[in-house]
Amino acid sequence: MKGVVLAGGAGSRLFPLTKITNKHLLPVYDRPMIYYPIQTLVDAGIRDILIVTGGRNSGDFLRLLANGKQFGLKHINYTYQEGEGGIADALALAEHFADGRKLCVILGDNIIEGSIRAAADAFRAQASGAHILLKEVPDAERFGVAELAGGKIAGIEEKPAHPKSNYAVTGIYMYDSTVFDKIRTLVPSGRGELEITDVNNAYIREGSMSFSLLQGWWTDAGTFDSLLRAANLVAVSPAHRGDSEPDSVERAAAV
């Protein structure tokens, strides 16, 4: 299975910080944001990774990451998204890279506490279709929300006013090679974007979508509040703590 990190977009919710750099290069505690999703893929046993970026600062990814030596990689692939066509539009750029293989796709601002290795292994054993990770949250209306019935996903609604469950769709998706055929059938939403929710619902309609529940905390880092939350969570997380461990009292106070 190959990995794709989606790290494009203008990051307008983080202006003025993103007037001078790509959102995914901003710091989350002691590392650039982009480090976390890459490490998530590496920890899941994925070594062939594509970074999809865009905007005026795309060259900074190459300067920062080079060929991925800091992650134990020999090579990182890069591609460029023009404009802001949505998550599915960015994923479409990975078709040549995928070369018929399964993909694990992660949004570049998604940070998790635990590992997705078990979910990745389950999808490796799955003959075809898709697999997504869900997380129970108190504010499901902010996310794509999965409706569960009979142990399966019956459908996904994007930011519903009245969620049918508390299970948010995290920004981690696993797809077989038919994902690109599905993307080609999409029409832009009211936001003018190709929506990943429409891709997921296409798999649900054909009965080939499975899911796992994500263990540990999960957050994005796309707003000032969530960027601060992510930094505070990382600061107290044994899974992310490095040599520069802050004092435990300071860590507790930070949260």
C-alpha atoms as a PDB file:
ATOM      1  CA  MET A   1       0.000   0.000   0.000  1.00  0.00           C
ATOM      2  CA  LYS A   2       1.184   3.496  -0.860  1.00  0.00           C
ATOM      3  CA  GLY A   3       0.610   6.692   1.120  1.00  0.00           C
ATOM      4  CA  VAL A   4      -0.619  10.153   0.118  1.00  0.00           C
ATOM      5  CA  VAL A   5      -0.425  13.270   2.286  1.00  0.00           C
ATOM      6  CA  LEU A   6      -2.718  16.067   1.098  1.00  0.00           C
ATOM      7  CA  ALA A   7      -1.040  19.349   1.994  1.00  0.00           C
ATOM      8  CA  GLY A   8      -2.395  21.934  -0.428  1.00  0.00           C
ATOM      9  CA  GLY A   9      -4.957  24.698   0.059  1.00  0.00           C
ATOM     10  CA  ALA A  10      -4.607  28.339   1.013  1.00  0.00           C
ATOM     11  CA  GLY A  11      -5.037  27.886   4.769  1.00  0.00           C
ATOM     12  CA  SER A  12      -7.215  31.004   4.869  1.00  0.00           C
ATOM     13  CA  ARG A  13      -8.506  30.235   8.372  1.00  0.00           C
ATOM     14  CA  LEU A  14      -4.951  30.712   9.636  1.00  0.00           C
ATOM     15  CA  PHE A  15      -4.311  34.111   8.049  1.00  0.00           C
ATOM     16  CA  PRO A  16      -2.028  36.030   8.557  1.00  0.00           C
ATOM     17  CA  LEU A  17       0.309  33.126   9.411  1.00  0.00           C
ATOM     18  CA  THR A  18      -0.346  31.507   6.047  1.00  0.00           C
ATOM     19  CA  LYS A  19       0.401  34.678   4.107  1.00  0.00           C
ATOM     20  CA  ILE A  20       4.074  33.762   4.436  1.00  0.00           C
ATOM     21  CA  THR A  21       4.056  29.942   4.428  1.00  0.00           C
ATOM     22  CA  ASN A  22       1.940  26.884   3.742  1.00  0.00           C
ATOM     23  CA  LYS A  23      -0.287  25.867   6.675  1.00  0.00           C
ATOM     24  CA  HIS A  24       1.291  22.420   6.835  1.00  0.00           C
ATOM     25  CA  LEU A  25       4.732  23.912   7.499  1.00  0.00           C
ATOM     26  CA  LEU A  26       3.597  25.735  10.641  1.00  0.00           C
ATOM     27  CA  PRO A  27       4.922  24.365  13.939  1.00  0.00           C
ATOM     28  CA  VAL A  28       2.871  22.036  16.109  1.00  0.00           C
ATOM     29  CA  TYR A  29       4.787  22.038  19.376  1.00  0.00           C
ATOM     30  CA  ASP A  30       8.347  21.092  18.381  1.00  0.00           C
ATOM     31  CA  ARG A  31       7.901  19.875  14.776  1.00  0.00           C
ATOM     32  CA  PRO A  32       6.430  21.116  11.496  1.00  0.00           C
ATOM     33  CA  MET A  33       2.805  20.051  11.086  1.00  0.00           C
ATOM     34  CA  ILE A  34       3.588  17.913   8.019  1.00  0.00           C
ATOM     35  CA  TYR A  35       5.844  15.642  10.094  1.00  0.00           C
ATOM     36  CA  TYR A  36       2.913  14.122  11.970  1.00  0.00           C
ATOM     37  CA  PRO A  37       0.891  12.664   9.061  1.00  0.00           C
ATOM     38  CA  ILE A  38       4.063  11.396   7.400  1.00  0.00           C
ATOM     39  CA  GLN A  39       5.050   9.615  10.617  1.00  0.00           C
ATOM     40  CA  THR A  40       1.535   8.146  10.856  1.00  0.00           C
ATOM     41  CA  LEU A  41       1.997   6.549   7.445  1.00  0.00           C
ATOM     42  CA  VAL A  42       5.523   5.327   8.219  1.00  0.00           C
ATOM     43  CA  ASP A  43       4.329   3.775  11.501  1.00  0.00           C
ATOM     44  CA  ALA A  44       1.669   1.910   9.488  1.00  0.00           C
ATOM     45  CA  GLY A  45       4.407   0.259   7.431  1.00  0.00           C
ATOM     46  CA  ILE A  46       4.050   2.548   4.400  1.00  0.00           C
ATOM     47  CA  ARG A  47       7.301   3.563   2.739  1.00  0.00           C
ATOM     48  CA  ASP A  48       6.201   4.894  -0.667  1.00  0.00           C
ATOM     49  CA  ILE A  49       4.710   8.341  -0.011  1.00  0.00           C
ATOM     50  CA  LEU A  50       3.443  11.212  -2.168  1.00  0.00           C
ATOM     51  CA  ILE A  51       3.058  14.783  -0.886  1.00  0.00           C
ATOM     52  CA  VAL A  52       0.371  16.796  -2.710  1.00  0.00           C
ATOM     53  CA  THR A  53       0.996  20.481  -2.136  1.00  0.00           C
ATOM     54  CA  GLY A  54       0.251  23.805  -3.792  1.00  0.00           C
ATOM     55  CA  GLY A  55       0.459  27.560  -3.443  1.00  0.00           C
ATOM     56  CA  ARG A  56       3.471  29.849  -3.457  1.00  0.00           C
ATOM     57  CA  ASN A  57       5.482  27.952  -0.854  1.00  0.00           C
ATOM     58  CA  SER A  58       5.464  24.465  -2.335  1.00  0.00           C
ATOM     59  CA  GLY A  59       9.237  24.490  -2.790  1.00  0.00           C
ATOM     60  CA  ASP A  60       9.660  24.766   0.971  1.00  0.00           C
ATOM     61  CA  PHE A  61       8.409  21.186   1.350  1.00  0.00           C
ATOM     62  CA  LEU A  62      11.349  19.941  -0.680  1.00  0.00           C
ATOM     63  CA  ARG A  63      13.785  22.023   1.367  1.00  0.00           C
ATOM     64  CA  LEU A  64      12.297  20.717   4.618  1.00  0.00           C
ATOM     65  CA  LEU A  65      11.664  17.077   3.780  1.00  0.00           C
ATOM     66  CA  ALA A  66      14.143  16.362   0.977  1.00  0.00           C
ATOM     67  CA  ASN A  67      13.938  12.579   0.421  1.00  0.00           C
ATOM     68  CA  GLY A  68      12.594  11.780   3.875  1.00  0.00           C
ATOM     69  CA  LYS A  69      15.781  10.592   5.546  1.00  0.00           C
ATOM     70  CA  GLN A  70      14.512  11.778   8.938  1.00  0.00           C
ATOM     71  CA  PHE A  71      11.633   9.268   8.606  1.00  0.00           C
ATOM     72  CA  GLY A  72      13.827   6.402   7.476  1.00  0.00           C
ATOM     73  CA  LEU A  73      12.708   6.809   3.863  1.00  0.00           C
ATOM     74  CA  LYS A  74      14.863   6.653   0.751  1.00  0.00           C
ATOM     75  CA  HIS A  75      12.557   8.799  -1.354  1.00  0.00           C
ATOM     76  CA  ILE A  76       9.496  11.079  -1.142  1.00  0.00           C
ATOM     77  CA  ASN A  77       7.368  11.920  -4.180  1.00  0.00           C
ATOM     78  CA  TYR A  78       5.856  15.369  -4.737  1.00  0.00           C
ATOM     79  CA  THR A  79       3.091  16.763  -6.942  1.00  0.00           C
ATOM     80  CA  TYR A  80       1.421  20.161  -7.256  1.00  0.00           C
ATOM     81  CA  GLN A  81      -2.273  21.083  -7.028  1.00  0.00           C
ATOM     82  CA  GLU A  82      -3.262  24.226  -8.889  1.00  0.00           C
ATOM     83  CA  GLY A  83      -6.010  26.195  -7.161  1.00  0.00           C
ATOM     84  CA  GLU A  84      -8.340  24.811  -4.499  1.00  0.00           C
ATOM     85  CA  GLY A  85     -10.473  22.124  -6.055  1.00  0.00           C
ATOM     86  CA  GLY A  86     -11.108  20.163  -2.882  1.00  0.00           C
ATOM     87  CA  ILE A  87      -9.761  17.005  -1.298  1.00  0.00           C
ATOM     88  CA  ALA A  88     -10.960  14.682  -4.061  1.00  0.00           C
ATOM     89  CA  ASP A  89      -9.437  16.961  -6.706  1.00  0.00           C
ATOM     90  CA  ALA A  90      -6.097  16.808  -4.890  1.00  0.00           C
ATOM     91  CA  LEU A  91      -6.320  13.031  -4.591  1.00  0.00           C
ATOM     92  CA  ALA A  92      -6.922  12.725  -8.348  1.00  0.00           C
ATOM     93  CA  LEU A  93      -3.346  13.925  -8.857  1.00  0.00           C
ATOM     94  CA  ALA A  94      -2.105  10.699  -7.242  1.00  0.00           C
ATOM     95  CA  GLU A  95      -3.436   8.355  -9.931  1.00  0.00           C
ATOM     96  CA  HIS A  96      -0.119   7.942 -11.748  1.00  0.00           C
ATOM     97  CA  PHE A  97       1.694   7.510  -8.415  1.00  0.00           C
ATOM     98  CA  ALA A  98      -0.799   4.858  -7.238  1.00  0.00           C
ATOM     99  CA  ASP A  99      -0.171   2.719 -10.341  1.00  0.00           C
ATOM    100  CA  GLY A 100      -3.095   0.435  -9.489  1.00  0.00           C
ATOM    101  CA  ARG A 101      -2.066  -0.089  -5.850  1.00  0.00           C
ATOM    102  CA  LYS A 102      -4.125   0.551  -2.729  1.00  0.00           C
ATOM    103  CA  LEU A 103      -3.702   3.955  -1.089  1.00  0.00           C
ATOM    104  CA  CYS A 104      -3.782   5.312   2.441  1.00  0.00           C
ATOM    105  CA  VAL A 105      -4.671   9.006   2.228  1.00  0.00           C
ATOM    106  CA  ILE A 106      -4.234  11.403   5.145  1.00  0.00           C
ATOM    107  CA  LEU A 107      -4.959  15.100   5.404  1.00  0.00           C
ATOM    108  CA  GLY A 108      -1.814  17.080   6.141  1.00  0.00           C
ATOM    109  CA  ASP A 109      -3.292  18.811   9.189  1.00  0.00           C
ATOM    110  CA  ASN A 110      -4.544  15.646  10.893  1.00  0.00           C
ATOM    111  CA  ILE A 111      -2.666  14.639  14.028  1.00  0.00           C
ATOM    112  CA  ILE A 112      -3.414  11.502  16.035  1.00  0.00           C
ATOM    113  CA  GLU A 113      -2.132  10.054  19.272  1.00  0.00           C
ATOM    114  CA  GLY A 114      -2.067   6.402  18.342  1.00  0.00           C
ATOM    115  CA  SER A 115      -1.341   4.192  15.359  1.00  0.00           C
ATOM    116  CA  ILE A 116      -3.368   3.184  12.312  1.00  0.00           C
ATOM    117  CA  ARG A 117      -1.300   0.041  11.743  1.00  0.00           C
ATOM    118  CA  ALA A 118      -4.147  -2.339  12.620  1.00  0.00           C
ATOM    119  CA  ALA A 119      -6.550  -0.541  10.269  1.00  0.00           C
ATOM    120  CA  ALA A 120      -3.940  -0.514   7.509  1.00  0.00           C
ATOM    121  CA  ASP A 121      -3.295  -4.237   7.934  1.00  0.00           C
ATOM    122  CA  ALA A 122      -7.045  -4.911   7.838  1.00  0.00           C
ATOM    123  CA  PHE A 123      -7.353  -3.010   4.579  1.00  0.00           C
ATOM    124  CA  ARG A 124      -4.346  -4.774   3.107  1.00  0.00           C
ATOM    125  CA  ALA A 125      -6.270  -8.020   3.689  1.00  0.00           C
ATOM    126  CA  GLN A 126      -9.513  -6.571   2.277  1.00  0.00           C
ATOM    127  CA  ALA A 127     -10.021  -7.705  -1.310  1.00  0.00           C
ATOM    128  CA  SER A 128     -11.261  -4.356  -2.609  1.00  0.00           C
ATOM    129  CA  GLY A 129     -13.210  -1.267  -1.655  1.00  0.00           C
ATOM    130  CA  ALA A 130     -12.405   1.320   0.993  1.00  0.00           C
ATOM    131  CA  HIS A 131     -11.765   1.685   4.709  1.00  0.00           C
ATOM    132  CA  ILE A 132     -12.124   4.815   6.830  1.00  0.00           C
ATOM    133  CA  LEU A 133     -11.431   5.658  10.458  1.00  0.00           C
ATOM    134  CA  LEU A 134     -14.124   7.127  12.664  1.00  0.00           C
ATOM    135  CA  LYS A 135     -13.861   8.935  15.978  1.00  0.00           C
ATOM    136  CA  GLU A 136     -16.625   9.677  18.478  1.00  0.00           C
ATOM    137  CA  VAL A 137     -16.715  13.425  19.124  1.00  0.00           C
ATOM    138  CA  PRO A 138     -18.941  15.849  21.067  1.00  0.00           C
ATOM    139  CA  ASP A 139     -19.299  18.302  18.152  1.00  0.00           C
ATOM    140  CA  ALA A 140     -20.042  16.036  15.207  1.00  0.00           C
ATOM    141  CA  GLU A 141     -21.791  18.799  13.274  1.00  0.00           C
ATOM    142  CA  ARG A 142     -18.348  20.248  12.437  1.00  0.00           C
ATOM    143  CA  PHE A 143     -17.352  17.170  10.434  1.00  0.00           C
ATOM    144  CA  GLY A 144     -18.486  14.548   7.983  1.00  0.00           C
ATOM    145  CA  VAL A 145     -20.665  12.257  10.086  1.00  0.00           C
ATOM    146  CA  ALA A 146     -21.190   8.529   9.570  1.00  0.00           C
ATOM    147  CA  GLU A 147     -24.631   6.998  10.005  1.00  0.00           C
ATOM    148  CA  LEU A 148     -24.174   3.479  11.374  1.00  0.00           C
ATOM    149  CA  ALA A 149     -26.671   0.644  10.932  1.00  0.00           C
ATOM    150  CA  GLY A 150     -26.154  -3.057  11.528  1.00  0.00           C
ATOM    151  CA  GLY A 151     -22.435  -2.651  12.107  1.00  0.00           C
ATOM    152  CA  LYS A 152     -21.943  -0.924   8.758  1.00  0.00           C
ATOM    153  CA  ILE A 153     -21.856   2.657   7.495  1.00  0.00           C
ATOM    154  CA  ALA A 154     -25.205   3.487   5.898  1.00  0.00           C
ATOM    155  CA  GLY A 155     -24.122   6.911   4.677  1.00  0.00           C
ATOM    156  CA  ILE A 156     -22.054  10.010   5.416  1.00  0.00           C
ATOM    157  CA  GLU A 157     -23.364  13.556   5.750  1.00  0.00           C
ATOM    158  CA  GLU A 158     -21.055  16.556   5.513  1.00  0.00           C
ATOM    159  CA  LYS A 159     -21.403  18.961   8.469  1.00  0.00           C
ATOM    160  CA  PRO A 160     -25.061  18.123   9.197  1.00  0.00           C
ATOM    161  CA  ALA A 161     -27.115  20.459  11.385  1.00  0.00           C
ATOM    162  CA  HIS A 162     -28.602  17.399  13.110  1.00  0.00           C
ATOM    163  CA  PRO A 163     -26.016  14.582  13.075  1.00  0.00           C
ATOM    164  CA  LYS A 164     -27.328  11.019  12.944  1.00  0.00           C
ATOM    165  CA  SER A 165     -24.448   9.857  15.144  1.00  0.00           C
ATOM    166  CA  ASN A 166     -21.488  11.219  17.086  1.00  0.00           C
ATOM    167  CA  TYR A 167     -18.986   9.448  14.828  1.00  0.00           C
ATOM    168  CA  ALA A 168     -16.909  11.875  12.794  1.00  0.00           C
ATOM    169  CA  VAL A 169     -15.025  10.789   9.695  1.00  0.00           C
ATOM    170  CA  THR A 170     -11.375  11.514  10.412  1.00  0.00           C
ATOM    171  CA  GLY A 171      -9.074  12.700   7.651  1.00  0.00           C
ATOM    172  CA  ILE A 172      -7.639   9.207   7.059  1.00  0.00           C
ATOM    173  CA  TYR A 173      -8.998   7.229   4.116  1.00  0.00           C
ATOM    174  CA  MET A 174      -7.933   3.968   2.479  1.00  0.00           C
ATOM    175  CA  TYR A 175      -8.965   3.226  -1.103  1.00  0.00           C
ATOM    176  CA  ASP A 176      -8.512   0.688  -3.850  1.00  0.00           C
ATOM    177  CA  SER A 177      -7.635   1.767  -7.386  1.00  0.00           C
ATOM    178  CA  THR A 178     -11.285   2.387  -8.345  1.00  0.00           C
ATOM    179  CA  VAL A 179     -11.185   5.624  -6.345  1.00  0.00           C
ATOM    180  CA  PHE A 180      -9.998   7.492  -9.425  1.00  0.00           C
ATOM    181  CA  ASP A 181     -12.925   6.250 -11.516  1.00  0.00           C
ATOM    182  CA  LYS A 182     -15.246   7.470  -8.772  1.00  0.00           C
ATOM    183  CA  ILE A 183     -13.579  10.886  -8.659  1.00  0.00           C
ATOM    184  CA  ARG A 184     -14.095  11.257 -12.409  1.00  0.00           C
ATOM    185  CA  THR A 185     -17.871  10.946 -11.882  1.00  0.00           C
ATOM    186  CA  LEU A 186     -18.056  13.768  -9.324  1.00  0.00           C
ATOM    187  CA  VAL A 187     -19.521  17.197  -9.911  1.00  0.00           C
ATOM    188  CA  PRO A 188     -18.456  20.221  -7.846  1.00  0.00           C
ATOM    189  CA  SER A 189     -20.424  20.897  -4.682  1.00  0.00           C
ATOM    190  CA  GLY A 190     -21.941  24.230  -3.720  1.00  0.00           C
ATOM    191  CA  ARG A 191     -18.467  25.201  -2.533  1.00  0.00           C
ATOM    192  CA  GLY A 192     -17.135  24.601  -6.038  1.00  0.00           C
ATOM    193  CA  GLU A 193     -15.059  21.631  -4.863  1.00  0.00           C
ATOM    194  CA  LEU A 194     -14.940  17.888  -5.472  1.00  0.00           C
ATOM    195  CA  GLU A 195     -15.922  16.450  -2.102  1.00  0.00           C
ATOM    196  CA  ILE A 196     -14.285  13.419  -0.522  1.00  0.00           C
ATOM    197  CA  THR A 197     -17.624  12.662   1.172  1.00  0.00           C
ATOM    198  CA  ASP A 198     -19.089  11.967  -2.278  1.00  0.00           C
ATOM    199  CA  VAL A 199     -16.258   9.514  -2.934  1.00  0.00           C
ATOM    200  CA  ASN A 200     -16.903   7.734   0.360  1.00  0.00           C
ATOM    201  CA  ASN A 201     -20.644   7.549  -0.300  1.00  0.00           C
ATOM    202  CA  ALA A 202     -19.949   5.969  -3.691  1.00  0.00           C
ATOM    203  CA  TYR A 203     -18.108   3.138  -1.934  1.00  0.00           C
ATOM    204  CA  ILE A 204     -20.935   2.853   0.605  1.00  0.00           C
ATOM    205  CA  ARG A 205     -23.526   2.525  -2.165  1.00  0.00           C
ATOM    206  CA  GLU A 206     -21.618  -0.374  -3.718  1.00  0.00           C
ATOM    207  CA  GLY A 207     -21.307  -2.058  -0.306  1.00  0.00           C
ATOM    208  CA  SER A 208     -17.512  -2.033  -0.165  1.00  0.00           C
ATOM    209  CA  MET A 209     -16.824   0.428   2.665  1.00  0.00           C
ATOM    210  CA  SER A 210     -15.460  -0.865   5.975  1.00  0.00           C
ATOM    211  CA  PHE A 211     -14.376   1.132   9.012  1.00  0.00           C
ATOM    212  CA  SER A 212     -12.378   1.163  12.229  1.00  0.00           C
ATOM    213  CA  LEU A 213     -12.664   3.308  15.342  1.00  0.00           C
ATOM    214  CA  LEU A 214      -9.598   5.453  15.918  1.00  0.00           C
ATOM    215  CA  GLN A 215      -8.017   4.956  19.333  1.00  0.00           C
ATOM    216  CA  GLY A 216      -6.561   7.862  21.302  1.00  0.00           C
ATOM    217  CA  TRP A 217      -7.068  11.528  20.592  1.00  0.00           C
ATOM    218  CA  TRP A 218      -7.439  13.066  17.144  1.00  0.00           C
ATOM    219  CA  THR A 219      -7.408  16.677  16.027  1.00  0.00           C
ATOM    220  CA  ASP A 220      -6.873  18.765  12.964  1.00  0.00           C
ATOM    221  CA  ALA A 221      -4.776  21.934  13.105  1.00  0.00           C
ATOM    222  CA  GLY A 222      -6.524  24.119  10.570  1.00  0.00           C
ATOM    223  CA  THR A 223      -7.767  26.910  12.844  1.00  0.00           C
ATOM    224  CA  PHE A 224      -6.092  28.930  15.561  1.00  0.00           C
ATOM    225  CA  ASP A 225      -8.012  27.036  18.250  1.00  0.00           C
ATOM    226  CA  SER A 226      -7.253  23.591  16.816  1.00  0.00           C
ATOM    227  CA  LEU A 227      -3.607  24.533  16.148  1.00  0.00           C
ATOM    228  CA  LEU A 228      -3.226  25.426  19.828  1.00  0.00           C
ATOM    229  CA  ARG A 229      -5.108  22.288  20.864  1.00  0.00           C
ATOM    230  CA  ALA A 230      -2.853  20.133  18.707  1.00  0.00           C
ATOM    231  CA  ALA A 231       0.297  21.659  20.212  1.00  0.00           C
ATOM    232  CA  ASN A 232      -0.995  21.118  23.750  1.00  0.00           C
ATOM    233  CA  LEU A 233      -1.970  17.501  23.044  1.00  0.00           C
ATOM    234  CA  VAL A 234       1.392  16.718  21.476  1.00  0.00           C
ATOM    235  CA  ALA A 235       3.226  18.358  24.382  1.00  0.00           C
ATOM    236  CA  VAL A 236       1.742  15.891  26.890  1.00  0.00           C
ATOM    237  CA  SER A 237       1.673  12.805  24.653  1.00  0.00           C
ATOM    238  CA  PRO A 238       4.241  10.069  25.347  1.00  0.00           C
ATOM    239  CA  ALA A 239       3.784   8.927  21.746  1.00  0.00           C
ATOM    240  CA  HIS A 240       5.079  12.243  20.393  1.00  0.00           C
ATOM    241  CA  ARG A 241       7.398  13.370  23.171  1.00  0.00           C
ATOM    242  CA  GLY A 242      11.002  13.797  22.076  1.00  0.00           C
ATOM    243  CA  ASP A 243      14.217  14.586  23.879  1.00  0.00           C
ATOM    244  CA  SER A 244      13.048  18.132  24.612  1.00  0.00           C
ATOM    245  CA  GLU A 245      10.456  16.973  27.138  1.00  0.00           C
ATOM    246  CA  PRO A 246       8.981  19.902  29.105  1.00  0.00           C
ATOM    247  CA  ASP A 247       8.507  19.789  32.826  1.00  0.00           C
ATOM    248  CA  SER A 248       5.460  17.704  33.736  1.00  0.00           C
ATOM    249  CA  VAL A 249       3.857  20.544  35.660  1.00  0.00           C
ATOM    250  CA  GLU A 250       4.266  22.859  32.679  1.00  0.00           C
ATOM    251  CA  ARG A 251       2.774  20.189  30.421  1.00  0.00           C
ATOM    252  CA  ALA A 252      -0.263  19.827  32.634  1.00  0.00           C
ATOM    253  CA  ALA A 253      -0.727  23.588  32.785  1.00  0.00           C
ATOM    254  CA  ALA A 254      -0.526  23.817  28.994  1.00  0.00           C
ATOM    255  CA  VAL A 255      -3.638  21.682  28.578  1.00  0.00           C
END
